[in-house]
Amino acid sequence: MMLAYRRLCTNKRGMHGWNKGECMRLLVSVRSAEEAKAALAGGAEIIDAKDPLEGALGAVEPGVLREIVRAVNGVRPVSAAMGDAGEEELLSARARAAADAGAAFVKVGFADVRDLDLVRARLRGVMDGVLLSPCAVVAVAYADWHEVGAAAPSTVVAAAATEGAMGVLVDTVRKDGAGLFRCLGRAALESLVREARARSLLVALAGRITCEDLAFAYEAGAEVVGVRGAACDGGRDGRVRESRVRDLLAARDLLVTRRGDSYGMSRELTREASFR
């Protein structure tokens, strides 16, 4: 009964059903209402509240999240990072506060746990925190999990499916490393995406994704692609710029018109980026 209710809430969010070849939504991570406005003006389709100075899933302060939600004003869904380590009670309370602030979904990671039962317990706690709200939950798996002692992506996918999460985000802990596609490899990533989608999970990809990487994310079957550094002047610690978001959206749109030629698309996106 509880799992069915969670699935019902997930479906009500309208986030499922984006098939490869139709659309890949652009998520832009912001740390302030000002950045949220810039992302919106550039055409971002999901606004993600996250503090890049606090790690891959750094949570913004509750007041900042409320300001971001007010700035977005219901025009786009707002997601909120909850963190990837700590006590279940803390993460559950953060999720509850985010839901109360108006977040459409929250993201939680597993950087400090590897066992399936512990991953499920954390995910269950966060989901219980948002249970009586329309807010959904996304479980975050790390492509560089073996370097940081995090849960394996397959473990996170299994937990997300079992506990009734809306989806999974595959990201990287390290933001000074090789990036998502270099950490996991294209074949392994595509296999993980297939596994998640076979379990009716929404799939998002992030982790130092550049404009040139969009073609690979698209061909892997991502329904959402998340960026921070590519949308900022000065990298992920800089400030979101409207024109950069607009360039990313234009590059995404190009993928639809040139569907099926990932090498050609990547080459064209690389050439376009070199002239910016």
Protein backbone atom coordinates (compact mmCIF):
# COMPACT_ATOMS: atom_id res chain seq x y z
CA MET A 1 0.00 0.00 0.00
CA MET A 2 2.78 2.45 0.96
CA LEU A 3 4.73 1.71 -2.23
CA ALA A 4 1.60 2.16 -4.34
CA TYR A 5 0.94 5.54 -2.73
CA ARG A 6 4.50 6.66 -3.44
CA ARG A 7 4.19 5.57 -7.06
CA LEU A 8 0.89 7.47 -7.34
CA CYS A 9 2.55 10.65 -6.05
CA THR A 10 5.39 10.18 -8.50
CA ASN A 11 3.07 9.82 -11.47
CA LYS A 12 1.15 12.92 -10.42
CA ARG A 13 4.31 14.95 -10.80
CA GLY A 14 4.19 14.36 -14.54
CA MET A 15 7.92 13.64 -14.73
CA HIS A 16 7.74 10.19 -16.35
CA GLY A 17 7.08 9.36 -19.97
CA TRP A 18 9.92 11.26 -21.68
CA ASN A 19 11.12 8.84 -24.29
CA LYS A 20 14.45 8.96 -26.05
CA GLY A 21 14.02 10.85 -29.26
CA GLU A 22 11.33 13.11 -27.81
CA CYS A 23 13.06 15.33 -25.27
CA MET A 24 15.84 15.51 -22.72
CA ARG A 25 15.06 18.14 -20.10
CA LEU A 26 17.74 20.61 -19.02
CA LEU A 27 18.25 21.01 -15.28
CA VAL A 28 20.39 23.91 -14.07
CA SER A 29 21.70 24.03 -10.51
CA VAL A 30 21.47 27.42 -8.80
CA ARG A 31 22.44 28.69 -5.37
CA SER A 32 20.34 31.85 -5.17
CA ALA A 33 17.14 33.45 -6.39
CA GLU A 34 19.21 35.67 -8.68
CA GLU A 35 20.76 32.64 -10.37
CA ALA A 36 17.33 31.01 -10.60
CA LYS A 37 16.06 34.01 -12.55
CA ALA A 38 19.02 33.81 -14.93
CA ALA A 39 18.45 30.09 -15.48
CA LEU A 40 14.76 30.66 -16.14
CA ALA A 41 15.48 33.48 -18.58
CA GLY A 42 17.85 31.17 -20.45
CA GLY A 43 15.17 28.49 -20.76
CA ALA A 44 16.12 25.95 -18.08
CA GLU A 45 13.35 23.40 -17.67
CA ILE A 46 14.14 22.36 -14.09
CA ILE A 47 15.65 24.67 -11.48
CA ASP A 48 17.81 22.81 -8.97
CA ALA A 49 18.63 24.40 -5.62
CA LYS A 50 22.15 23.39 -4.57
CA ASP A 51 25.16 24.93 -2.82
CA PRO A 52 28.22 24.02 -4.92
CA LEU A 53 30.56 24.96 -2.10
CA GLU A 54 29.10 22.17 0.04
CA GLY A 55 29.81 19.30 -2.34
CA ALA A 56 28.02 17.40 -5.05
CA LEU A 57 24.69 17.52 -3.18
CA GLY A 58 25.19 20.51 -0.90
CA ALA A 59 21.88 21.73 0.49
CA VAL A 60 21.07 25.44 0.42
CA GLU A 61 19.70 27.06 3.56
CA PRO A 62 15.91 26.74 3.99
CA GLY A 63 15.44 30.49 3.55
CA VAL A 64 17.43 30.45 0.31
CA LEU A 65 15.31 27.57 -0.99
CA ARG A 66 12.13 29.50 -0.26
CA GLU A 67 13.55 32.52 -2.13
CA ILE A 68 14.39 30.31 -5.13
CA VAL A 69 10.89 28.80 -5.15
CA ARG A 70 9.36 32.28 -5.02
CA ALA A 71 11.59 33.47 -7.87
CA VAL A 72 10.56 30.51 -10.04
CA ASN A 73 6.91 31.15 -9.12
CA GLY A 74 5.64 27.84 -10.44
CA VAL A 75 6.92 28.40 -13.98
CA ARG A 76 9.23 25.37 -13.71
CA PRO A 77 9.63 22.55 -11.18
CA VAL A 78 12.22 23.15 -8.47
CA SER A 79 14.41 20.37 -7.15
CA ALA A 80 16.49 20.54 -3.98
CA ALA A 81 19.66 18.73 -2.94
CA MET A 82 19.49 17.18 0.52
CA GLY A 83 23.08 15.97 0.91
CA ASP A 84 24.75 12.57 0.63
CA ALA A 85 25.87 11.82 4.18
CA GLY A 86 24.57 12.11 7.74
CA GLU A 87 21.85 10.84 10.02
CA GLU A 88 18.53 9.75 8.57
CA GLU A 89 16.64 12.10 10.89
CA LEU A 90 18.55 15.13 9.57
CA LEU A 91 18.03 14.20 5.93
CA SER A 92 14.37 13.42 6.54
CA ALA A 93 13.88 16.81 8.23
CA ARG A 94 15.58 18.57 5.32
CA ALA A 95 13.31 16.78 2.89
CA ARG A 96 10.24 17.78 4.88
CA ALA A 97 11.36 21.42 4.93
CA ALA A 98 12.03 21.34 1.18
CA ALA A 99 8.59 19.90 0.51
CA ASP A 100 7.01 22.58 2.70
CA ALA A 101 8.95 25.23 0.75
CA GLY A 102 7.45 24.00 -2.52
CA ALA A 103 10.12 21.74 -4.01
CA ALA A 104 8.76 19.35 -6.64
CA PHE A 105 11.36 16.76 -5.81
CA VAL A 106 14.40 16.26 -3.59
CA LYS A 107 17.68 14.46 -4.26
CA VAL A 108 19.56 12.35 -1.73
CA GLY A 109 22.91 10.58 -2.09
CA PHE A 110 24.81 7.74 -0.48
CA ALA A 111 28.45 8.79 -0.31
CA ASP A 112 29.00 7.28 3.14
CA VAL A 113 27.08 3.99 2.84
CA ARG A 114 27.50 1.01 0.51
CA ASP A 115 25.25 -1.73 1.89
CA LEU A 116 21.88 -2.13 0.16
CA ASP A 117 19.94 -2.22 3.43
CA LEU A 118 21.54 1.05 4.59
CA VAL A 119 20.83 2.69 1.23
CA ARG A 120 17.22 1.57 1.43
CA ALA A 121 16.89 2.81 5.01
CA ARG A 122 18.16 6.29 4.12
CA LEU A 123 15.97 6.50 1.05
CA ARG A 124 12.96 5.32 3.04
CA GLY A 125 13.58 7.98 5.67
CA VAL A 126 13.72 10.77 3.08
CA MET A 127 10.61 9.47 1.37
CA ASP A 128 8.79 9.34 4.69
CA GLY A 129 9.77 12.99 5.19
CA VAL A 130 7.85 14.02 2.07
CA LEU A 131 5.14 11.37 2.20
CA LEU A 132 2.16 13.64 2.84
CA SER A 133 3.22 16.15 0.18
CA PRO A 134 3.33 16.06 -3.64
CA CYS A 135 7.15 16.19 -3.45
CA ALA A 136 8.93 13.19 -4.97
CA VAL A 137 12.38 11.71 -4.31
CA VAL A 138 15.35 11.06 -6.59
CA ALA A 139 18.14 8.73 -5.44
CA VAL A 140 21.64 9.82 -6.47
CA ALA A 141 24.26 7.31 -7.59
CA TYR A 142 27.89 8.25 -8.11
CA ALA A 143 29.88 7.15 -11.16
CA ASP A 144 33.10 7.51 -9.12
CA TRP A 145 31.65 5.49 -6.25
CA HIS A 146 34.65 3.18 -5.99
CA GLU A 147 36.99 6.15 -5.38
CA VAL A 148 35.00 7.62 -2.51
CA GLY A 149 33.49 4.56 -0.83
CA ALA A 150 29.92 5.31 -1.93
CA ALA A 151 27.15 2.88 -2.83
CA ALA A 152 27.48 1.26 -6.25
CA PRO A 153 25.11 2.63 -8.91
CA SER A 154 23.41 -0.75 -9.28
CA THR A 155 22.72 -0.77 -5.54
CA VAL A 156 21.14 2.69 -5.70
CA VAL A 157 18.96 1.70 -8.67
CA ALA A 158 17.76 -1.41 -6.85
CA ALA A 159 16.95 0.59 -3.71
CA ALA A 160 15.15 3.31 -5.68
CA ALA A 161 12.96 0.76 -7.46
CA THR A 162 12.19 -1.15 -4.28
CA GLU A 163 11.33 1.91 -2.18
CA GLY A 164 9.26 3.62 -4.89
CA ALA A 165 11.46 6.62 -5.67
CA MET A 166 10.65 8.73 -8.72
CA GLY A 167 14.03 8.18 -10.31
CA VAL A 168 17.80 8.10 -10.14
CA LEU A 169 20.44 10.69 -10.91
CA VAL A 170 23.89 9.44 -11.92
CA ASP A 171 26.45 12.08 -10.93
CA THR A 172 30.03 12.35 -9.67
CA VAL A 173 31.26 13.19 -6.18
CA ARG A 174 34.47 14.75 -7.40
CA LYS A 175 34.03 17.88 -9.47
CA ASP A 176 37.74 18.19 -10.24
CA GLY A 177 37.96 14.73 -11.79
CA ALA A 178 37.31 13.14 -15.16
CA GLY A 179 33.55 13.74 -15.34
CA LEU A 180 30.64 11.34 -15.68
CA PHE A 181 31.41 9.73 -19.04
CA ARG A 182 35.08 9.20 -18.29
CA CYS A 183 34.34 7.75 -14.84
CA LEU A 184 31.78 5.16 -15.83
CA GLY A 185 32.25 4.62 -19.54
CA ARG A 186 29.61 4.88 -22.21
CA ALA A 187 28.69 1.18 -22.39
CA ALA A 188 28.37 0.84 -18.61
CA LEU A 189 26.32 4.03 -18.43
CA GLU A 190 23.92 2.93 -21.15
CA SER A 191 23.47 -0.40 -19.38
CA LEU A 192 22.69 1.37 -16.11
CA VAL A 193 20.16 3.64 -17.83
CA ARG A 194 18.44 0.63 -19.41
CA GLU A 195 18.27 -1.11 -16.05
CA ALA A 196 16.76 1.95 -14.36
CA ARG A 197 14.20 2.57 -17.09
CA ALA A 198 13.22 -1.10 -17.09
CA ARG A 199 12.32 -0.55 -13.43
CA SER A 200 10.15 2.48 -14.38
CA LEU A 201 12.59 5.00 -12.92
CA LEU A 202 13.22 8.42 -14.39
CA VAL A 203 16.92 8.77 -15.30
CA ALA A 204 18.97 11.95 -14.97
CA LEU A 205 22.67 12.38 -15.74
CA ALA A 206 25.08 14.98 -14.37
CA GLY A 207 28.72 15.34 -13.38
CA ARG A 208 30.91 17.90 -15.16
CA ILE A 209 28.74 17.63 -18.27
CA THR A 210 29.71 20.10 -20.95
CA CYS A 211 27.91 21.27 -24.05
CA GLU A 212 29.88 18.72 -26.06
CA ASP A 213 28.72 15.90 -23.73
CA LEU A 214 25.02 16.47 -24.40
CA ALA A 215 24.96 14.15 -27.41
CA PHE A 216 26.29 11.26 -25.33
CA ALA A 217 23.76 11.91 -22.56
CA TYR A 218 20.99 11.99 -25.14
CA GLU A 219 22.06 8.77 -26.81
CA ALA A 220 22.43 7.05 -23.43
CA GLY A 221 18.71 7.65 -22.90
CA ALA A 222 18.75 10.34 -20.22
CA GLU A 223 15.41 12.02 -19.56
CA VAL A 224 17.09 14.85 -17.67
CA VAL A 225 20.60 16.26 -17.99
CA GLY A 226 21.94 18.39 -15.16
CA VAL A 227 24.57 21.11 -15.35
CA ARG A 228 26.18 23.69 -13.12
CA GLY A 229 29.65 24.58 -14.36
CA ALA A 230 28.62 24.63 -18.04
CA ALA A 231 25.95 27.21 -17.21
CA CYS A 232 28.29 29.49 -15.22
CA ASP A 233 30.89 32.11 -15.92
CA GLY A 234 34.01 30.92 -14.15
CA GLY A 235 33.00 27.27 -13.65
CA ARG A 236 30.73 25.72 -11.02
CA ASP A 237 31.84 28.18 -8.33
CA GLY A 238 30.97 31.10 -10.61
CA ARG A 239 27.58 32.58 -11.44
CA VAL A 240 24.85 31.18 -13.69
CA ARG A 241 24.62 33.20 -16.89
CA GLU A 242 21.48 33.41 -19.01
CA SER A 243 23.34 33.21 -22.33
CA ARG A 244 25.17 30.04 -21.31
CA VAL A 245 21.91 28.36 -20.38
CA ARG A 246 20.43 29.44 -23.70
CA ASP A 247 23.43 27.94 -25.56
CA LEU A 248 22.95 24.63 -23.74
CA LEU A 249 19.27 24.58 -24.60
CA ALA A 250 20.03 25.31 -28.26
CA ALA A 251 22.56 22.46 -28.29
CA ARG A 252 19.95 20.13 -26.77
CA ASP A 253 17.43 21.13 -29.42
CA LEU A 254 19.99 20.34 -32.13
CA LEU A 255 20.07 16.75 -30.90
CA VAL A 256 16.41 16.26 -31.75
CA THR A 257 16.88 17.45 -35.33
CA ARG A 258 19.95 15.26 -35.83
CA ARG A 259 18.72 12.22 -33.96
CA GLY A 260 20.71 9.01 -34.41
CA ASP A 261 24.10 10.48 -35.35
CA SER A 262 25.74 10.87 -31.93
CA TYR A 263 29.28 11.16 -33.37
CA GLY A 264 28.23 13.81 -35.85
CA MET A 265 26.23 15.67 -33.22
CA SER A 266 29.11 15.63 -30.75
CA ARG A 267 31.50 16.85 -33.42
CA GLU A 268 29.17 19.70 -34.41
CA LEU A 269 28.57 20.71 -30.80
CA THR A 270 32.31 20.75 -30.19
CA ARG A 271 32.85 22.93 -33.25
CA GLU A 272 30.10 25.33 -32.17
CA ALA A 273 31.52 25.55 -28.65
CA SER A 274 34.97 26.44 -29.99
CA PHE A 275 33.56 29.61 -31.59
CA ARG A 276 31.89 30.92 -28.39
